[in-house]
Amino acid sequence: MRLFLRVLSFGALALILSTAASAQGAPSAAYPANCPALLHKTFDRLQDEKPQSLCQYTGKVLLVVNTASFCGFTRQYEGLEALDRKYRAKGLVVLGFPSNDFAQETGSNKEVADFCENTFGVKFPMFVKSSVRGGDANPLFQELAKQTGTTPKWNFYKYLVGRDGKVVAAYSSFTEPDDRELLRTLEKQLAVRVE
């Protein structure tokens, strides 16, 4: 009986750890074959904290941005939302990852979600707060750093990912969402068709 309880307890612990890892963007073996390795991650959505597989964005051009509510660059939410709205039908998706790595995102996930929606009308996908640099960086940002050799230097750092799931470019916080070079590269990526 004791052995049965130990096995049961171990199984329950493994399930809890597996669920917690999944919520933090850990890879899972259950991803579709056509999903690029970069997107083999699951994160909780900011608004309701329900798990979302990044594989749902397979074949899209992604602009991945680490965000914060109390930063001099916070006004970029408006430009990011306009960019997402303008190019969504062509295949762009902006993905926002709030982070307190620079001590400018101190609120709860609910407070961040309310701020983004009420202040800037953000509708593009946002995920729960996580770290985006260093040893605690979430798995997506670890892979983005590995592919580019650069980590976010501040809030609103941007990574442009092509339809094939490979990083095309990284942009500093000073690069506005309507920057001419960013738009030129983005439009070029949107023109690419993946079989």
N, C-alpha and C. Protein backbone atom coordinates (compact mmCIF):
# COMPACT_ATOMS: atom_id res chain seq x y z
N MET A 1 0.83 -1.20 0.00
CA MET A 1 0.00 0.00 0.00
C MET A 1 0.87 1.26 0.00
N ARG A 2 1.94 1.25 0.84
CA ARG A 2 2.83 2.42 0.90
C ARG A 2 3.50 2.66 -0.45
N LEU A 3 3.93 1.57 -1.08
CA LEU A 3 4.56 1.67 -2.39
C LEU A 3 3.58 2.26 -3.41
N PHE A 4 2.34 1.81 -3.38
CA PHE A 4 1.31 2.35 -4.27
C PHE A 4 1.15 3.86 -4.06
N LEU A 5 1.10 4.30 -2.81
CA LEU A 5 0.94 5.73 -2.50
C LEU A 5 2.15 6.53 -2.97
N ARG A 6 3.35 5.94 -2.80
CA ARG A 6 4.56 6.64 -3.27
C ARG A 6 4.53 6.80 -4.79
N VAL A 7 4.15 5.73 -5.49
CA VAL A 7 4.06 5.79 -6.95
C VAL A 7 3.00 6.80 -7.36
N LEU A 8 1.85 6.78 -6.69
CA LEU A 8 0.78 7.72 -6.98
C LEU A 8 1.25 9.16 -6.72
N SER A 9 1.93 9.38 -5.59
CA SER A 9 2.43 10.71 -5.26
C SER A 9 3.46 11.17 -6.28
N PHE A 10 4.35 10.26 -6.68
CA PHE A 10 5.36 10.61 -7.68
C PHE A 10 4.69 10.99 -9.00
N GLY A 11 3.67 10.21 -9.41
CA GLY A 11 2.95 10.51 -10.64
C GLY A 11 2.25 11.85 -10.58
N ALA A 12 1.63 12.15 -9.45
CA ALA A 12 0.96 13.45 -9.27
C ALA A 12 1.97 14.58 -9.32
N LEU A 13 3.12 14.39 -8.68
CA LEU A 13 4.16 15.42 -8.69
C LEU A 13 4.67 15.64 -10.11
N ALA A 14 4.88 14.56 -10.86
CA ALA A 14 5.35 14.68 -12.25
C ALA A 14 4.34 15.45 -13.09
N LEU A 15 3.04 15.18 -12.88
CA LEU A 15 1.99 15.89 -13.62
C LEU A 15 2.00 17.37 -13.28
N ILE A 16 2.15 17.70 -12.01
CA ILE A 16 2.19 19.11 -11.59
C ILE A 16 3.39 19.81 -12.20
N LEU A 17 4.56 19.17 -12.12
CA LEU A 17 5.77 19.78 -12.69
C LEU A 17 5.66 19.93 -14.19
N SER A 18 5.09 18.94 -14.85
CA SER A 18 4.91 19.01 -16.30
C SER A 18 3.99 20.16 -16.68
N THR A 19 2.89 20.33 -15.93
CA THR A 19 1.95 21.42 -16.20
C THR A 19 2.60 22.77 -15.95
N ALA A 20 3.36 22.89 -14.86
CA ALA A 20 4.05 24.15 -14.56
C ALA A 20 5.06 24.48 -15.63
N ALA A 21 5.82 23.48 -16.10
CA ALA A 21 6.81 23.71 -17.14
C ALA A 21 6.14 24.17 -18.42
N SER A 22 5.01 23.56 -18.75
CA SER A 22 4.28 23.94 -19.96
C SER A 22 3.84 25.39 -19.90
N ALA A 23 3.40 25.83 -18.73
CA ALA A 23 2.92 27.21 -18.58
C ALA A 23 4.06 28.21 -18.74
N GLN A 24 5.29 27.77 -18.57
CA GLN A 24 6.43 28.67 -18.68
C GLN A 24 7.08 28.60 -20.06
N GLY A 25 6.44 27.95 -21.01
CA GLY A 25 6.96 27.92 -22.36
C GLY A 25 7.83 26.73 -22.66
N ALA A 26 7.80 25.73 -21.81
CA ALA A 26 8.63 24.56 -22.02
C ALA A 26 8.16 23.78 -23.25
N PRO A 27 9.08 23.18 -23.97
CA PRO A 27 8.71 22.39 -25.14
C PRO A 27 7.88 21.17 -24.76
N SER A 28 7.08 20.70 -25.68
CA SER A 28 6.28 19.50 -25.49
C SER A 28 6.42 18.65 -26.74
N ALA A 29 6.25 17.36 -26.57
CA ALA A 29 6.40 16.46 -27.71
C ALA A 29 5.17 16.44 -28.62
N ALA A 30 4.11 17.14 -28.25
CA ALA A 30 2.83 17.04 -28.96
C ALA A 30 2.63 18.12 -30.03
N TYR A 31 3.68 18.64 -30.60
CA TYR A 31 3.54 19.71 -31.60
C TYR A 31 3.41 19.13 -33.00
N PRO A 32 2.66 19.79 -33.87
CA PRO A 32 2.49 19.31 -35.25
C PRO A 32 3.83 19.25 -35.99
N ALA A 33 3.94 18.34 -36.93
CA ALA A 33 5.19 18.14 -37.68
C ALA A 33 5.60 19.38 -38.47
N ASN A 34 4.63 20.18 -38.94
CA ASN A 34 4.98 21.35 -39.75
C ASN A 34 5.32 22.58 -38.91
N CYS A 35 5.23 22.47 -37.60
CA CYS A 35 5.53 23.60 -36.70
C CYS A 35 7.04 23.75 -36.54
N PRO A 36 7.59 24.94 -36.87
CA PRO A 36 9.04 25.15 -36.71
C PRO A 36 9.48 24.97 -35.26
N ALA A 37 10.68 24.50 -35.04
CA ALA A 37 11.21 24.24 -33.70
C ALA A 37 11.11 25.46 -32.80
N LEU A 38 11.33 26.65 -33.35
CA LEU A 38 11.25 27.88 -32.54
C LEU A 38 9.89 28.01 -31.86
N LEU A 39 8.84 27.51 -32.51
CA LEU A 39 7.49 27.66 -31.98
C LEU A 39 7.03 26.46 -31.14
N HIS A 40 7.89 25.53 -30.88
CA HIS A 40 7.55 24.37 -30.04
C HIS A 40 7.51 24.78 -28.58
N LYS A 41 6.63 25.72 -28.27
CA LYS A 41 6.53 26.25 -26.92
C LYS A 41 5.08 26.62 -26.62
N THR A 42 4.73 26.57 -25.36
CA THR A 42 3.39 26.93 -24.92
C THR A 42 3.52 27.95 -23.79
N PHE A 43 2.74 29.02 -23.90
CA PHE A 43 2.72 30.07 -22.88
C PHE A 43 1.28 30.36 -22.49
N ASP A 44 1.09 30.83 -21.28
CA ASP A 44 -0.24 31.24 -20.85
C ASP A 44 -0.57 32.61 -21.42
N ARG A 45 -1.79 32.74 -21.96
CA ARG A 45 -2.27 34.02 -22.49
C ARG A 45 -2.42 35.00 -21.33
N LEU A 46 -2.08 36.25 -21.55
CA LEU A 46 -2.11 37.27 -20.51
C LEU A 46 -3.52 37.49 -19.97
N GLN A 47 -4.51 37.55 -20.85
CA GLN A 47 -5.86 37.94 -20.45
C GLN A 47 -6.54 36.92 -19.54
N ASP A 48 -6.33 35.63 -19.78
CA ASP A 48 -7.05 34.62 -18.99
C ASP A 48 -6.14 33.50 -18.47
N GLU A 49 -4.85 33.61 -18.73
CA GLU A 49 -3.84 32.66 -18.26
C GLU A 49 -4.12 31.22 -18.73
N LYS A 50 -4.74 31.10 -19.91
CA LYS A 50 -4.96 29.79 -20.52
C LYS A 50 -3.79 29.47 -21.44
N PRO A 51 -3.30 28.22 -21.43
CA PRO A 51 -2.16 27.84 -22.25
C PRO A 51 -2.43 28.01 -23.74
N GLN A 52 -1.44 28.55 -24.43
CA GLN A 52 -1.52 28.77 -25.88
C GLN A 52 -0.25 28.24 -26.54
N SER A 53 -0.42 27.34 -27.49
CA SER A 53 0.73 26.83 -28.23
C SER A 53 1.13 27.87 -29.28
N LEU A 54 2.42 28.15 -29.35
CA LEU A 54 2.89 29.08 -30.38
C LEU A 54 2.79 28.46 -31.77
N CYS A 55 2.58 27.15 -31.85
CA CYS A 55 2.43 26.50 -33.16
C CYS A 55 1.23 27.04 -33.92
N GLN A 56 0.28 27.66 -33.23
CA GLN A 56 -0.86 28.25 -33.94
C GLN A 56 -0.43 29.37 -34.88
N TYR A 57 0.81 29.84 -34.74
CA TYR A 57 1.33 30.91 -35.60
C TYR A 57 2.24 30.37 -36.70
N THR A 58 2.24 29.06 -36.90
CA THR A 58 3.03 28.46 -37.97
C THR A 58 2.65 29.10 -39.31
N GLY A 59 3.66 29.46 -40.09
CA GLY A 59 3.44 30.07 -41.40
C GLY A 59 3.20 31.56 -41.36
N LYS A 60 3.20 32.15 -40.16
CA LYS A 60 3.02 33.60 -40.02
C LYS A 60 4.38 34.28 -39.88
N VAL A 61 4.42 35.57 -40.17
CA VAL A 61 5.58 36.40 -39.86
C VAL A 61 5.31 36.96 -38.47
N LEU A 62 6.27 36.84 -37.58
CA LEU A 62 6.07 37.26 -36.20
C LEU A 62 6.99 38.43 -35.83
N LEU A 63 6.44 39.36 -35.08
CA LEU A 63 7.26 40.40 -34.46
C LEU A 63 7.11 40.16 -32.96
N VAL A 64 8.17 39.62 -32.35
CA VAL A 64 8.16 39.26 -30.93
C VAL A 64 8.78 40.42 -30.16
N VAL A 65 8.04 40.91 -29.15
CA VAL A 65 8.45 42.12 -28.43
C VAL A 65 8.33 41.90 -26.93
N ASN A 66 9.37 42.26 -26.17
CA ASN A 66 9.25 42.26 -24.71
C ASN A 66 8.74 43.65 -24.31
N THR A 67 7.71 43.67 -23.48
CA THR A 67 7.00 44.91 -23.18
C THR A 67 7.03 45.25 -21.70
N ALA A 68 6.66 46.48 -21.38
CA ALA A 68 6.54 46.94 -20.00
C ALA A 68 5.61 48.15 -19.96
N SER A 69 4.87 48.28 -18.86
CA SER A 69 3.86 49.33 -18.74
C SER A 69 4.41 50.68 -18.29
N PHE A 70 5.56 50.69 -17.64
CA PHE A 70 6.07 51.93 -17.07
C PHE A 70 7.45 52.27 -17.63
N CYS A 71 7.51 52.40 -18.93
CA CYS A 71 8.77 52.62 -19.64
C CYS A 71 8.60 53.79 -20.59
N GLY A 72 9.68 54.46 -20.90
CA GLY A 72 9.62 55.55 -21.87
C GLY A 72 9.19 55.09 -23.25
N PHE A 73 9.33 53.80 -23.52
CA PHE A 73 8.94 53.24 -24.82
C PHE A 73 7.53 52.64 -24.81
N THR A 74 6.83 52.72 -23.68
CA THR A 74 5.50 52.11 -23.57
C THR A 74 4.55 52.61 -24.64
N ARG A 75 4.72 53.84 -25.08
CA ARG A 75 3.85 54.40 -26.13
C ARG A 75 3.93 53.59 -27.42
N GLN A 76 4.96 52.74 -27.57
CA GLN A 76 5.08 51.90 -28.77
C GLN A 76 3.96 50.88 -28.88
N TYR A 77 3.25 50.63 -27.78
CA TYR A 77 2.08 49.74 -27.86
C TYR A 77 1.13 50.20 -28.97
N GLU A 78 0.94 51.50 -29.07
CA GLU A 78 0.02 52.05 -30.07
C GLU A 78 0.49 51.70 -31.48
N GLY A 79 1.78 51.89 -31.75
CA GLY A 79 2.34 51.58 -33.06
C GLY A 79 2.35 50.09 -33.35
N LEU A 80 2.60 49.27 -32.33
CA LEU A 80 2.58 47.82 -32.50
C LEU A 80 1.18 47.33 -32.83
N GLU A 81 0.17 47.90 -32.16
CA GLU A 81 -1.21 47.53 -32.45
C GLU A 81 -1.59 47.95 -33.86
N ALA A 82 -1.17 49.15 -34.28
CA ALA A 82 -1.47 49.62 -35.64
C ALA A 82 -0.78 48.73 -36.68
N LEU A 83 0.45 48.32 -36.41
CA LEU A 83 1.20 47.43 -37.31
C LEU A 83 0.49 46.08 -37.43
N ASP A 84 0.10 45.52 -36.30
CA ASP A 84 -0.59 44.24 -36.29
C ASP A 84 -1.91 44.33 -37.07
N ARG A 85 -2.63 45.39 -36.86
CA ARG A 85 -3.93 45.57 -37.54
C ARG A 85 -3.73 45.74 -39.05
N LYS A 86 -2.71 46.53 -39.45
CA LYS A 86 -2.47 46.81 -40.86
C LYS A 86 -2.05 45.57 -41.65
N TYR A 87 -1.19 44.74 -41.05
CA TYR A 87 -0.60 43.62 -41.78
C TYR A 87 -1.14 42.25 -41.40
N ARG A 88 -2.08 42.18 -40.48
CA ARG A 88 -2.58 40.87 -40.02
C ARG A 88 -3.13 40.03 -41.17
N ALA A 89 -3.91 40.63 -42.04
CA ALA A 89 -4.51 39.88 -43.15
C ALA A 89 -3.44 39.34 -44.11
N LYS A 90 -2.25 39.95 -44.10
CA LYS A 90 -1.15 39.49 -44.97
C LYS A 90 -0.28 38.45 -44.27
N GLY A 91 -0.54 38.21 -42.96
CA GLY A 91 0.20 37.15 -42.28
C GLY A 91 1.08 37.57 -41.12
N LEU A 92 1.00 38.83 -40.68
CA LEU A 92 1.80 39.27 -39.54
C LEU A 92 1.04 39.02 -38.24
N VAL A 93 1.78 38.63 -37.21
CA VAL A 93 1.23 38.60 -35.86
C VAL A 93 2.29 39.20 -34.93
N VAL A 94 1.90 40.22 -34.17
CA VAL A 94 2.76 40.77 -33.12
C VAL A 94 2.50 39.95 -31.87
N LEU A 95 3.57 39.52 -31.20
CA LEU A 95 3.46 38.77 -29.95
C LEU A 95 4.13 39.56 -28.84
N GLY A 96 3.37 39.89 -27.79
CA GLY A 96 3.90 40.67 -26.68
C GLY A 96 4.20 39.82 -25.46
N PHE A 97 5.38 40.03 -24.89
CA PHE A 97 5.81 39.32 -23.69
C PHE A 97 6.19 40.31 -22.60
N PRO A 98 5.24 40.66 -21.72
CA PRO A 98 5.56 41.57 -20.62
C PRO A 98 6.66 40.97 -19.75
N SER A 99 7.54 41.85 -19.29
CA SER A 99 8.65 41.40 -18.46
C SER A 99 9.04 42.49 -17.47
N ASN A 100 9.41 42.06 -16.28
CA ASN A 100 9.88 43.00 -15.27
C ASN A 100 11.40 42.96 -15.15
N ASP A 101 12.08 42.46 -16.19
CA ASP A 101 13.54 42.37 -16.14
C ASP A 101 14.21 43.72 -15.94
N PHE A 102 13.54 44.79 -16.34
CA PHE A 102 14.12 46.12 -16.19
C PHE A 102 13.35 46.94 -15.16
N ALA A 103 12.62 46.23 -14.27
CA ALA A 103 11.89 46.82 -13.14
C ALA A 103 10.85 47.86 -13.58
N GLN A 104 10.21 47.62 -14.74
CA GLN A 104 9.19 48.55 -15.22
C GLN A 104 7.87 47.86 -15.57
N GLU A 105 7.71 46.64 -15.04
CA GLU A 105 6.45 45.91 -15.22
C GLU A 105 6.15 45.21 -13.89
N THR A 106 5.73 45.99 -12.91
CA THR A 106 5.59 45.48 -11.55
C THR A 106 4.20 44.95 -11.23
N GLY A 107 3.20 45.23 -12.06
CA GLY A 107 1.83 44.82 -11.78
C GLY A 107 1.59 43.34 -12.00
N SER A 108 0.41 42.90 -11.59
CA SER A 108 -0.01 41.52 -11.81
C SER A 108 -0.35 41.34 -13.29
N ASN A 109 -0.53 40.10 -13.71
CA ASN A 109 -0.91 39.83 -15.10
C ASN A 109 -2.23 40.53 -15.44
N LYS A 110 -3.19 40.51 -14.51
CA LYS A 110 -4.48 41.17 -14.75
C LYS A 110 -4.30 42.68 -14.91
N GLU A 111 -3.46 43.27 -14.06
CA GLU A 111 -3.21 44.72 -14.16
C GLU A 111 -2.54 45.07 -15.50
N VAL A 112 -1.61 44.24 -15.93
CA VAL A 112 -0.94 44.47 -17.21
C VAL A 112 -1.95 44.36 -18.35
N ALA A 113 -2.78 43.32 -18.32
CA ALA A 113 -3.79 43.13 -19.37
C ALA A 113 -4.75 44.30 -19.43
N ASP A 114 -5.23 44.76 -18.27
CA ASP A 114 -6.16 45.89 -18.22
C ASP A 114 -5.49 47.16 -18.76
N PHE A 115 -4.25 47.39 -18.37
CA PHE A 115 -3.52 48.56 -18.82
C PHE A 115 -3.37 48.56 -20.35
N CYS A 116 -2.95 47.43 -20.89
CA CYS A 116 -2.73 47.34 -22.35
C CYS A 116 -4.02 47.58 -23.12
N GLU A 117 -5.09 46.97 -22.66
CA GLU A 117 -6.37 47.10 -23.38
C GLU A 117 -6.97 48.49 -23.19
N ASN A 118 -7.02 48.97 -21.96
CA ASN A 118 -7.69 50.24 -21.66
C ASN A 118 -6.91 51.46 -22.11
N THR A 119 -5.59 51.38 -22.08
CA THR A 119 -4.77 52.55 -22.44
C THR A 119 -4.44 52.60 -23.93
N PHE A 120 -4.15 51.43 -24.52
CA PHE A 120 -3.69 51.41 -25.90
C PHE A 120 -4.56 50.55 -26.83
N GLY A 121 -5.60 49.95 -26.30
CA GLY A 121 -6.48 49.12 -27.14
C GLY A 121 -5.78 47.93 -27.73
N VAL A 122 -4.82 47.36 -27.01
CA VAL A 122 -4.02 46.24 -27.54
C VAL A 122 -4.91 45.01 -27.74
N LYS A 123 -4.87 44.49 -28.94
CA LYS A 123 -5.61 43.27 -29.30
C LYS A 123 -4.67 42.15 -29.75
N PHE A 124 -3.41 42.49 -30.08
CA PHE A 124 -2.49 41.45 -30.51
C PHE A 124 -2.19 40.51 -29.33
N PRO A 125 -1.79 39.27 -29.62
CA PRO A 125 -1.57 38.29 -28.55
C PRO A 125 -0.49 38.74 -27.55
N MET A 126 -0.85 38.62 -26.28
CA MET A 126 0.09 38.92 -25.20
C MET A 126 0.09 37.72 -24.25
N PHE A 127 1.22 37.53 -23.61
CA PHE A 127 1.39 36.38 -22.73
C PHE A 127 1.75 36.84 -21.33
N VAL A 128 1.62 35.94 -20.35
CA VAL A 128 1.88 36.31 -18.96
C VAL A 128 3.33 36.77 -18.79
N LYS A 129 3.55 37.52 -17.74
CA LYS A 129 4.88 38.05 -17.45
C LYS A 129 5.91 36.93 -17.34
N SER A 130 7.07 37.19 -17.90
CA SER A 130 8.17 36.24 -17.81
C SER A 130 9.48 36.99 -18.00
N SER A 131 10.55 36.31 -17.71
CA SER A 131 11.87 36.89 -17.93
C SER A 131 12.27 36.70 -19.40
N VAL A 132 13.00 37.66 -19.95
CA VAL A 132 13.38 37.60 -21.36
C VAL A 132 14.89 37.64 -21.58
N ARG A 133 15.65 37.63 -20.49
CA ARG A 133 17.11 37.64 -20.63
C ARG A 133 17.76 36.91 -19.47
N GLY A 134 18.98 36.50 -19.69
CA GLY A 134 19.72 35.81 -18.65
C GLY A 134 19.28 34.36 -18.49
N GLY A 135 19.74 33.74 -17.41
CA GLY A 135 19.45 32.33 -17.14
C GLY A 135 17.98 32.04 -16.90
N ASP A 136 17.22 33.04 -16.50
CA ASP A 136 15.79 32.85 -16.23
C ASP A 136 14.91 33.15 -17.43
N ALA A 137 15.51 33.49 -18.56
CA ALA A 137 14.72 33.86 -19.75
C ALA A 137 13.81 32.70 -20.15
N ASN A 138 12.61 33.05 -20.61
CA ASN A 138 11.69 32.00 -21.05
C ASN A 138 12.30 31.32 -22.29
N PRO A 139 11.88 30.08 -22.60
CA PRO A 139 12.51 29.32 -23.69
C PRO A 139 12.48 29.99 -25.06
N LEU A 140 11.44 30.77 -25.35
CA LEU A 140 11.39 31.47 -26.64
C LEU A 140 12.51 32.49 -26.72
N PHE A 141 12.65 33.31 -25.69
CA PHE A 141 13.69 34.33 -25.72
C PHE A 141 15.09 33.73 -25.63
N GLN A 142 15.22 32.58 -24.99
CA GLN A 142 16.52 31.88 -25.02
C GLN A 142 16.88 31.52 -26.45
N GLU A 143 15.90 30.99 -27.19
CA GLU A 143 16.16 30.58 -28.57
C GLU A 143 16.38 31.78 -29.47
N LEU A 144 15.62 32.86 -29.25
CA LEU A 144 15.82 34.09 -30.04
C LEU A 144 17.23 34.63 -29.83
N ALA A 145 17.69 34.61 -28.59
CA ALA A 145 19.05 35.07 -28.28
C ALA A 145 20.09 34.17 -28.93
N LYS A 146 19.82 32.87 -28.93
CA LYS A 146 20.75 31.91 -29.53
C LYS A 146 20.86 32.14 -31.03
N GLN A 147 19.72 32.36 -31.70
CA GLN A 147 19.73 32.56 -33.15
C GLN A 147 20.36 33.88 -33.57
N THR A 148 20.23 34.91 -32.72
CA THR A 148 20.70 36.25 -33.12
C THR A 148 21.99 36.67 -32.44
N GLY A 149 22.33 36.03 -31.33
CA GLY A 149 23.50 36.45 -30.56
C GLY A 149 23.25 37.71 -29.76
N THR A 150 21.98 38.09 -29.60
CA THR A 150 21.67 39.30 -28.84
C THR A 150 20.43 39.09 -27.98
N THR A 151 20.46 39.67 -26.79
CA THR A 151 19.31 39.61 -25.89
C THR A 151 18.73 41.02 -25.77
N PRO A 152 17.50 41.14 -25.29
CA PRO A 152 16.92 42.47 -25.11
C PRO A 152 17.79 43.33 -24.19
N LYS A 153 18.11 44.52 -24.68
CA LYS A 153 18.91 45.46 -23.88
C LYS A 153 18.00 46.32 -23.01
N TRP A 154 16.71 46.35 -23.36
CA TRP A 154 15.72 47.14 -22.64
C TRP A 154 14.34 46.66 -23.11
N ASN A 155 13.31 47.28 -22.58
CA ASN A 155 11.94 46.96 -22.99
C ASN A 155 11.71 47.35 -24.45
N PHE A 156 10.79 46.66 -25.09
CA PHE A 156 10.39 46.90 -26.48
C PHE A 156 11.50 46.59 -27.48
N TYR A 157 12.33 45.62 -27.12
CA TYR A 157 13.28 45.04 -28.06
C TYR A 157 12.47 44.16 -28.99
N LYS A 158 12.83 44.07 -30.25
CA LYS A 158 11.99 43.38 -31.22
C LYS A 158 12.78 42.35 -32.03
N TYR A 159 12.14 41.20 -32.24
CA TYR A 159 12.70 40.15 -33.10
C TYR A 159 11.70 39.89 -34.22
N LEU A 160 12.16 39.96 -35.45
CA LEU A 160 11.32 39.64 -36.59
C LEU A 160 11.61 38.21 -37.02
N VAL A 161 10.57 37.39 -37.04
CA VAL A 161 10.70 35.96 -37.36
C VAL A 161 9.96 35.70 -38.67
N GLY A 162 10.64 35.04 -39.61
CA GLY A 162 10.04 34.73 -40.90
C GLY A 162 9.03 33.60 -40.81
N ARG A 163 8.33 33.36 -41.90
CA ARG A 163 7.31 32.31 -41.96
C ARG A 163 7.89 30.92 -41.68
N ASP A 164 9.20 30.77 -41.91
CA ASP A 164 9.85 29.48 -41.69
C ASP A 164 10.29 29.26 -40.25
N GLY A 165 10.01 30.24 -39.38
CA GLY A 165 10.37 30.10 -37.97
C GLY A 165 11.80 30.47 -37.66
N LYS A 166 12.47 31.13 -38.59
CA LYS A 166 13.85 31.58 -38.35
C LYS A 166 13.87 33.09 -38.16
N VAL A 167 14.72 33.55 -37.24
CA VAL A 167 14.81 34.98 -36.96
C VAL A 167 15.48 35.68 -38.13
N VAL A 168 14.84 36.74 -38.59
CA VAL A 168 15.34 37.52 -39.73
C VAL A 168 16.17 38.70 -39.25
N ALA A 169 15.70 39.36 -38.18
CA ALA A 169 16.38 40.55 -37.68
C ALA A 169 15.98 40.82 -36.24
N ALA A 170 16.83 41.57 -35.55
CA ALA A 170 16.54 42.04 -34.19
C ALA A 170 16.66 43.56 -34.21
N TYR A 171 15.78 44.21 -33.48
CA TYR A 171 15.73 45.68 -33.48
C TYR A 171 15.76 46.20 -32.06
N SER A 172 16.47 47.28 -31.84
CA SER A 172 16.57 47.87 -30.51
C SER A 172 15.26 48.54 -30.12
N SER A 173 15.18 48.90 -28.87
CA SER A 173 14.00 49.60 -28.34
C SER A 173 13.76 50.92 -29.06
N PHE A 174 14.83 51.51 -29.58
CA PHE A 174 14.70 52.80 -30.27
C PHE A 174 14.05 52.67 -31.65
N THR A 175 13.96 51.45 -32.16
CA THR A 175 13.33 51.23 -33.46
C THR A 175 11.82 51.26 -33.27
N GLU A 176 11.19 52.28 -33.81
CA GLU A 176 9.74 52.43 -33.69
C GLU A 176 9.03 51.42 -34.59
N PRO A 177 7.80 51.05 -34.27
CA PRO A 177 7.07 50.09 -35.11
C PRO A 177 6.86 50.56 -36.55
N ASP A 178 6.94 51.86 -36.80
CA ASP A 178 6.78 52.36 -38.17
C ASP A 178 8.12 52.72 -38.82
N ASP A 179 9.22 52.23 -38.25
CA ASP A 179 10.55 52.48 -38.80
C ASP A 179 10.62 51.97 -40.24
N ARG A 180 11.20 52.77 -41.12
CA ARG A 180 11.25 52.46 -42.55
C ARG A 180 11.97 51.14 -42.83
N GLU A 181 13.11 50.90 -42.19
CA GLU A 181 13.87 49.67 -42.43
C GLU A 181 13.11 48.45 -41.90
N LEU A 182 12.51 48.57 -40.72
CA LEU A 182 11.72 47.47 -40.17
C LEU A 182 10.57 47.15 -41.11
N LEU A 183 9.87 48.16 -41.60
CA LEU A 183 8.73 47.94 -42.50
C LEU A 183 9.17 47.30 -43.82
N ARG A 184 10.32 47.74 -44.34
CA ARG A 184 10.82 47.17 -45.59
C ARG A 184 11.12 45.68 -45.42
N THR A 185 11.79 45.34 -44.32
CA THR A 185 12.13 43.93 -44.06
C THR A 185 10.86 43.12 -43.78
N LEU A 186 9.94 43.71 -43.03
CA LEU A 186 8.67 43.04 -42.73
C LEU A 186 7.88 42.73 -44.00
N GLU A 187 7.76 43.71 -44.87
CA GLU A 187 6.99 43.52 -46.11
C GLU A 187 7.66 42.47 -47.01
N LYS A 188 8.98 42.45 -47.00
CA LYS A 188 9.71 41.44 -47.78
C LYS A 188 9.39 40.04 -47.23
N GLN A 189 9.34 39.90 -45.91
CA GLN A 189 9.02 38.60 -45.30
C GLN A 189 7.57 38.20 -45.56
N LEU A 190 6.68 39.18 -45.55
CA LEU A 190 5.27 38.88 -45.82
C LEU A 190 5.05 38.39 -47.25
N ALA A 191 5.93 38.81 -48.16
CA ALA A 191 5.83 38.40 -49.57
C ALA A 191 6.30 36.96 -49.79
N VAL A 192 7.04 36.42 -48.84
CA VAL A 192 7.55 35.04 -48.95
C VAL A 192 6.40 34.06 -48.68
N ARG A 193 6.30 33.06 -49.53
CA ARG A 193 5.28 32.02 -49.33
C ARG A 193 5.98 30.72 -48.97
N VAL A 194 5.49 30.07 -47.93
CA VAL A 194 6.07 28.81 -47.48
C VAL A 194 5.14 27.68 -47.92
N GLU A 195 5.71 26.67 -48.54
CA GLU A 195 4.92 25.50 -48.99
C GLU A 195 4.55 24.63 -47.81
